[in-house]
Amino acid sequence: MKKRRILPLAVGLLLSAPLLLGADVKTLKLRELGPVAVGKKAPPVASWGLDDNVVTLAGLLKQDSTRAVVLAFYATWCTECPRGLKALESGRDRLSEAGIRVLLVNHGEGKEAVSRFHSEKRLTLPVVLDEFKEISRAYGVVEKLPRAFLIVRDGTVRAIYLFEGDDFVEQVCKDAANR
């Protein structure tokens, strides 16, 4: 029982150490997360946005200039999420020029809380609500946040991001360009 408690603590300290020391933090990637794996088809995404319109992953991938979509899972209570959200927001133009769209997926919260958070953080990226965590479960995002997935035009997962570092936008652009 003690081993199960110590391992998450040790991983958390390891990931937080560069932040505490003020060092550059690199983006960390995984090959798979739950049912989702690099090289496999991504689960479908369809949900309501803050503007009360339905947004789908398939619809974003079909847009003419889209090369890939970053699905970024976050929650308002997540202490590490603002780093990645800020990077995606500030890197929006660079990502757009590379044909990469961003879709934020809020993990389990209601429209009012999410809308308030976006106003406070000045986030303008599109977001879908996953109030009942159905999309999160399909992507293996059950409790640890943030998590992000790069999905290329044919619907295949190109990369899974465990932690968004200082090089996050650069890494996304690089991963989208690699075949």
C-alpha atoms as a PDB file:
ATOM      1  CA  MET A   1       0.000   0.000   0.000  1.00  0.00           C
ATOM      2  CA  LYS A   2       2.835   2.446   0.803  1.00  0.00           C
ATOM      3  CA  LYS A   3       4.479   1.804  -2.590  1.00  0.00           C
ATOM      4  CA  ARG A   4       1.291   2.896  -4.368  1.00  0.00           C
ATOM      5  CA  ARG A   5       1.295   6.210  -2.508  1.00  0.00           C
ATOM      6  CA  ILE A   6       5.011   6.868  -2.877  1.00  0.00           C
ATOM      7  CA  LEU A   7       5.255   6.333  -6.648  1.00  0.00           C
ATOM      8  CA  PRO A   8       2.788   9.123  -7.637  1.00  0.00           C
ATOM      9  CA  LEU A   9       4.476  11.444  -5.136  1.00  0.00           C
ATOM     10  CA  ALA A  10       7.919  10.660  -6.565  1.00  0.00           C
ATOM     11  CA  VAL A  11       6.707  11.192 -10.158  1.00  0.00           C
ATOM     12  CA  GLY A  12       5.070  14.483  -9.136  1.00  0.00           C
ATOM     13  CA  LEU A  13       8.268  15.701  -7.488  1.00  0.00           C
ATOM     14  CA  LEU A  14      10.325  14.649 -10.494  1.00  0.00           C
ATOM     15  CA  LEU A  15       8.050  16.570 -12.877  1.00  0.00           C
ATOM     16  CA  SER A  16       7.932  19.618 -10.585  1.00  0.00           C
ATOM     17  CA  ALA A  17      11.677  19.829  -9.867  1.00  0.00           C
ATOM     18  CA  PRO A  18      12.585  21.875 -12.974  1.00  0.00           C
ATOM     19  CA  LEU A  19       9.766  24.313 -12.200  1.00  0.00           C
ATOM     20  CA  LEU A  20      10.990  24.778  -8.663  1.00  0.00           C
ATOM     21  CA  LEU A  21      14.570  25.266  -9.821  1.00  0.00           C
ATOM     22  CA  GLY A  22      13.615  27.720 -12.571  1.00  0.00           C
ATOM     23  CA  ALA A  23      15.093  25.532 -15.319  1.00  0.00           C
ATOM     24  CA  ASP A  24      13.711  25.110 -18.819  1.00  0.00           C
ATOM     25  CA  VAL A  25      10.971  22.522 -18.731  1.00  0.00           C
ATOM     26  CA  LYS A  26      10.756  20.113 -21.649  1.00  0.00           C
ATOM     27  CA  THR A  27       7.556  18.621 -23.004  1.00  0.00           C
ATOM     28  CA  LEU A  28       7.137  14.953 -22.083  1.00  0.00           C
ATOM     29  CA  LYS A  29       5.448  12.454 -24.392  1.00  0.00           C
ATOM     30  CA  LEU A  30       3.922   8.997 -24.095  1.00  0.00           C
ATOM     31  CA  ARG A  31       3.414   6.222 -26.672  1.00  0.00           C
ATOM     32  CA  GLU A  32       0.011   5.301 -25.262  1.00  0.00           C
ATOM     33  CA  LEU A  33      -2.504   6.390 -22.671  1.00  0.00           C
ATOM     34  CA  GLY A  34      -5.223   3.933 -21.752  1.00  0.00           C
ATOM     35  CA  PRO A  35      -7.077   2.976 -24.937  1.00  0.00           C
ATOM     36  CA  VAL A  36      -5.286   5.571 -27.106  1.00  0.00           C
ATOM     37  CA  ALA A  37      -1.921   4.914 -28.772  1.00  0.00           C
ATOM     38  CA  VAL A  38       0.343   6.709 -31.212  1.00  0.00           C
ATOM     39  CA  GLY A  39      -0.336   5.408 -34.735  1.00  0.00           C
ATOM     40  CA  LYS A  40      -3.916   4.336 -33.945  1.00  0.00           C
ATOM     41  CA  LYS A  41      -7.178   6.085 -34.823  1.00  0.00           C
ATOM     42  CA  ALA A  42      -8.328   8.698 -32.331  1.00  0.00           C
ATOM     43  CA  PRO A  43     -11.713   8.279 -30.648  1.00  0.00           C
ATOM     44  CA  PRO A  44     -14.406  10.614 -32.005  1.00  0.00           C
ATOM     45  CA  VAL A  45     -15.055  13.924 -30.278  1.00  0.00           C
ATOM     46  CA  ALA A  46     -18.374  15.769 -30.416  1.00  0.00           C
ATOM     47  CA  SER A  47     -19.630  18.126 -27.759  1.00  0.00           C
ATOM     48  CA  TRP A  48     -21.041  21.562 -27.058  1.00  0.00           C
ATOM     49  CA  GLY A  49     -18.786  24.584 -27.056  1.00  0.00           C
ATOM     50  CA  LEU A  50     -19.200  27.673 -24.904  1.00  0.00           C
ATOM     51  CA  ASP A  51     -21.051  29.292 -27.818  1.00  0.00           C
ATOM     52  CA  ASP A  52     -23.719  26.519 -27.691  1.00  0.00           C
ATOM     53  CA  ASN A  53     -22.611  25.052 -31.023  1.00  0.00           C
ATOM     54  CA  VAL A  54     -21.570  21.441 -31.458  1.00  0.00           C
ATOM     55  CA  VAL A  55     -17.894  20.995 -32.322  1.00  0.00           C
ATOM     56  CA  THR A  56     -16.513  17.740 -33.716  1.00  0.00           C
ATOM     57  CA  LEU A  57     -12.965  16.530 -34.201  1.00  0.00           C
ATOM     58  CA  ALA A  58     -13.942  15.154 -37.612  1.00  0.00           C
ATOM     59  CA  GLY A  59     -15.256  18.567 -38.661  1.00  0.00           C
ATOM     60  CA  LEU A  60     -12.031  20.302 -37.622  1.00  0.00           C
ATOM     61  CA  LEU A  61      -9.888  17.732 -39.437  1.00  0.00           C
ATOM     62  CA  LYS A  62     -11.913  18.198 -42.648  1.00  0.00           C
ATOM     63  CA  GLN A  63     -11.286  21.941 -42.849  1.00  0.00           C
ATOM     64  CA  ASP A  64      -9.158  22.758 -45.896  1.00  0.00           C
ATOM     65  CA  SER A  65      -6.156  24.275 -44.158  1.00  0.00           C
ATOM     66  CA  THR A  66      -6.060  21.789 -41.280  1.00  0.00           C
ATOM     67  CA  ARG A  67      -3.029  19.543 -41.063  1.00  0.00           C
ATOM     68  CA  ALA A  68      -3.608  18.409 -37.455  1.00  0.00           C
ATOM     69  CA  VAL A  69      -5.613  19.147 -34.305  1.00  0.00           C
ATOM     70  CA  VAL A  70      -4.296  19.426 -30.760  1.00  0.00           C
ATOM     71  CA  LEU A  71      -6.847  18.167 -28.237  1.00  0.00           C
ATOM     72  CA  ALA A  72      -5.818  19.643 -24.894  1.00  0.00           C
ATOM     73  CA  PHE A  73      -7.593  18.308 -21.802  1.00  0.00           C
ATOM     74  CA  TYR A  74      -7.675  20.628 -18.788  1.00  0.00           C
ATOM     75  CA  ALA A  75      -9.736  21.642 -15.763  1.00  0.00           C
ATOM     76  CA  THR A  76     -10.084  24.938 -13.903  1.00  0.00           C
ATOM     77  CA  TRP A  77      -8.793  23.303 -10.686  1.00  0.00           C
ATOM     78  CA  CYS A  78      -5.657  21.882 -12.346  1.00  0.00           C
ATOM     79  CA  THR A  79      -2.565  23.698 -11.081  1.00  0.00           C
ATOM     80  CA  GLU A  80      -0.341  22.621 -14.003  1.00  0.00           C
ATOM     81  CA  CYS A  81      -2.861  23.289 -16.788  1.00  0.00           C
ATOM     82  CA  PRO A  82      -2.322  27.061 -17.150  1.00  0.00           C
ATOM     83  CA  ARG A  83       1.233  26.515 -18.489  1.00  0.00           C
ATOM     84  CA  GLY A  84       0.009  24.547 -21.510  1.00  0.00           C
ATOM     85  CA  LEU A  85      -3.060  26.725 -22.030  1.00  0.00           C
ATOM     86  CA  LYS A  86      -0.903  29.867 -22.018  1.00  0.00           C
ATOM     87  CA  ALA A  87       1.561  28.273 -24.466  1.00  0.00           C
ATOM     88  CA  LEU A  88      -1.235  27.256 -26.840  1.00  0.00           C
ATOM     89  CA  GLU A  89      -2.886  30.675 -26.615  1.00  0.00           C
ATOM     90  CA  SER A  90       0.360  32.602 -27.221  1.00  0.00           C
ATOM     91  CA  GLY A  91       1.423  30.149 -29.954  1.00  0.00           C
ATOM     92  CA  ARG A  92      -1.935  30.265 -31.708  1.00  0.00           C
ATOM     93  CA  ASP A  93      -0.646  32.161 -34.785  1.00  0.00           C
ATOM     94  CA  ARG A  94       2.384  29.892 -35.220  1.00  0.00           C
ATOM     95  CA  LEU A  95       0.190  26.796 -34.896  1.00  0.00           C
ATOM     96  CA  SER A  96      -2.363  28.195 -37.336  1.00  0.00           C
ATOM     97  CA  GLU A  97       0.361  28.957 -39.901  1.00  0.00           C
ATOM     98  CA  ALA A  98       1.454  25.313 -39.596  1.00  0.00           C
ATOM     99  CA  GLY A  99      -2.138  24.162 -40.217  1.00  0.00           C
ATOM    100  CA  ILE A 100      -2.628  23.052 -36.619  1.00  0.00           C
ATOM    101  CA  ARG A 101      -5.940  23.761 -34.914  1.00  0.00           C
ATOM    102  CA  VAL A 102      -6.394  23.682 -31.154  1.00  0.00           C
ATOM    103  CA  LEU A 103      -9.452  22.340 -29.367  1.00  0.00           C
ATOM    104  CA  LEU A 104      -9.542  22.527 -25.596  1.00  0.00           C
ATOM    105  CA  VAL A 105     -11.553  19.856 -23.778  1.00  0.00           C
ATOM    106  CA  ASN A 106     -12.725  20.827 -20.329  1.00  0.00           C
ATOM    107  CA  HIS A 107     -12.631  17.841 -18.002  1.00  0.00           C
ATOM    108  CA  GLY A 108     -15.890  17.503 -16.052  1.00  0.00           C
ATOM    109  CA  GLU A 109     -17.022  21.048 -15.351  1.00  0.00           C
ATOM    110  CA  GLY A 110     -20.107  23.079 -16.201  1.00  0.00           C
ATOM    111  CA  LYS A 111     -20.455  25.892 -18.708  1.00  0.00           C
ATOM    112  CA  GLU A 112     -20.541  28.720 -16.132  1.00  0.00           C
ATOM    113  CA  ALA A 113     -17.305  27.701 -14.388  1.00  0.00           C
ATOM    114  CA  VAL A 114     -15.519  27.153 -17.700  1.00  0.00           C
ATOM    115  CA  SER A 115     -16.748  30.440 -19.143  1.00  0.00           C
ATOM    116  CA  ARG A 116     -15.625  32.329 -16.034  1.00  0.00           C
ATOM    117  CA  PHE A 117     -12.180  30.636 -16.163  1.00  0.00           C
ATOM    118  CA  HIS A 118     -11.741  31.527 -19.841  1.00  0.00           C
ATOM    119  CA  SER A 119     -12.635  35.148 -19.120  1.00  0.00           C
ATOM    120  CA  GLU A 120     -10.242  35.357 -16.166  1.00  0.00           C
ATOM    121  CA  LYS A 121      -7.364  33.736 -18.088  1.00  0.00           C
ATOM    122  CA  ARG A 122      -8.209  35.609 -21.315  1.00  0.00           C
ATOM    123  CA  LEU A 123      -8.434  32.365 -23.271  1.00  0.00           C
ATOM    124  CA  THR A 124      -9.861  32.676 -26.768  1.00  0.00           C
ATOM    125  CA  LEU A 125      -9.176  29.143 -28.019  1.00  0.00           C
ATOM    126  CA  PRO A 126     -12.254  27.038 -28.763  1.00  0.00           C
ATOM    127  CA  VAL A 127     -13.350  24.688 -26.002  1.00  0.00           C
ATOM    128  CA  VAL A 128     -15.816  21.829 -25.740  1.00  0.00           C
ATOM    129  CA  LEU A 129     -17.442  20.788 -22.508  1.00  0.00           C
ATOM    130  CA  ASP A 130     -16.946  17.230 -21.295  1.00  0.00           C
ATOM    131  CA  GLU A 131     -19.133  17.628 -18.232  1.00  0.00           C
ATOM    132  CA  PHE A 132     -19.742  13.888 -17.835  1.00  0.00           C
ATOM    133  CA  LYS A 133     -16.139  12.969 -18.777  1.00  0.00           C
ATOM    134  CA  GLU A 134     -17.166  10.725 -21.668  1.00  0.00           C
ATOM    135  CA  ILE A 135     -14.545  12.159 -24.028  1.00  0.00           C
ATOM    136  CA  SER A 136     -11.959  12.058 -21.261  1.00  0.00           C
ATOM    137  CA  ARG A 137     -12.612   8.359 -20.617  1.00  0.00           C
ATOM    138  CA  ALA A 138     -12.407   7.573 -24.352  1.00  0.00           C
ATOM    139  CA  TYR A 139      -8.925   9.160 -24.355  1.00  0.00           C
ATOM    140  CA  GLY A 140      -7.787   7.535 -21.107  1.00  0.00           C
ATOM    141  CA  VAL A 141      -7.771  10.869 -19.263  1.00  0.00           C
ATOM    142  CA  VAL A 142      -9.265   9.781 -15.965  1.00  0.00           C
ATOM    143  CA  GLU A 143      -7.640  11.890 -13.266  1.00  0.00           C
ATOM    144  CA  LYS A 144      -4.224  13.274 -14.156  1.00  0.00           C
ATOM    145  CA  LEU A 145      -4.185  16.566 -16.045  1.00  0.00           C
ATOM    146  CA  PRO A 146      -3.093  18.170 -18.271  1.00  0.00           C
ATOM    147  CA  ARG A 147      -3.002  15.793 -21.203  1.00  0.00           C
ATOM    148  CA  ALA A 148      -2.878  16.641 -24.899  1.00  0.00           C
ATOM    149  CA  PHE A 149      -3.109  14.659 -28.119  1.00  0.00           C
ATOM    150  CA  LEU A 150      -1.942  15.576 -31.610  1.00  0.00           C
ATOM    151  CA  ILE A 151      -4.268  14.090 -34.209  1.00  0.00           C
ATOM    152  CA  VAL A 152      -3.368  14.344 -37.887  1.00  0.00           C
ATOM    153  CA  ARG A 153      -5.736  14.826 -40.812  1.00  0.00           C
ATOM    154  CA  ASP A 154      -6.500  11.119 -41.329  1.00  0.00           C
ATOM    155  CA  GLY A 155      -7.634  10.820 -37.682  1.00  0.00           C
ATOM    156  CA  THR A 156      -4.484   9.070 -36.453  1.00  0.00           C
ATOM    157  CA  VAL A 157      -2.866   9.972 -33.134  1.00  0.00           C
ATOM    158  CA  ARG A 158       0.602  11.367 -33.898  1.00  0.00           C
ATOM    159  CA  ALA A 159       1.649  12.268 -30.339  1.00  0.00           C
ATOM    160  CA  ILE A 160       0.444  12.101 -26.743  1.00  0.00           C
ATOM    161  CA  TYR A 161       1.739  14.793 -24.406  1.00  0.00           C
ATOM    162  CA  LEU A 162       2.072  13.991 -20.732  1.00  0.00           C
ATOM    163  CA  PHE A 163       3.371  17.409 -19.725  1.00  0.00           C
ATOM    164  CA  GLU A 164       3.465  20.682 -21.660  1.00  0.00           C
ATOM    165  CA  GLY A 165       6.899  22.240 -21.243  1.00  0.00           C
ATOM    166  CA  ASP A 166       8.425  25.503 -22.408  1.00  0.00           C
ATOM    167  CA  ASP A 167       8.948  23.928 -25.843  1.00  0.00           C
ATOM    168  CA  PHE A 168       5.339  22.706 -26.206  1.00  0.00           C
ATOM    169  CA  VAL A 169       4.302  24.695 -29.309  1.00  0.00           C
ATOM    170  CA  GLU A 170       7.658  23.994 -30.966  1.00  0.00           C
ATOM    171  CA  GLN A 171       7.278  20.271 -30.206  1.00  0.00           C
ATOM    172  CA  VAL A 172       3.698  20.183 -31.561  1.00  0.00           C
ATOM    173  CA  CYS A 173       4.810  21.841 -34.821  1.00  0.00           C
ATOM    174  CA  LYS A 174       7.724  19.406 -35.124  1.00  0.00           C
ATOM    175  CA  ASP A 175       5.508  16.381 -34.438  1.00  0.00           C
ATOM    176  CA  ALA A 176       2.880  17.541 -36.942  1.00  0.00           C
ATOM    177  CA  ALA A 177       5.560  17.939 -39.642  1.00  0.00           C
ATOM    178  CA  ASN A 178       7.089  14.483 -39.036  1.00  0.00           C
ATOM    179  CA  ARG A 179       5.567  11.612 -40.927  1.00  0.00           C
END
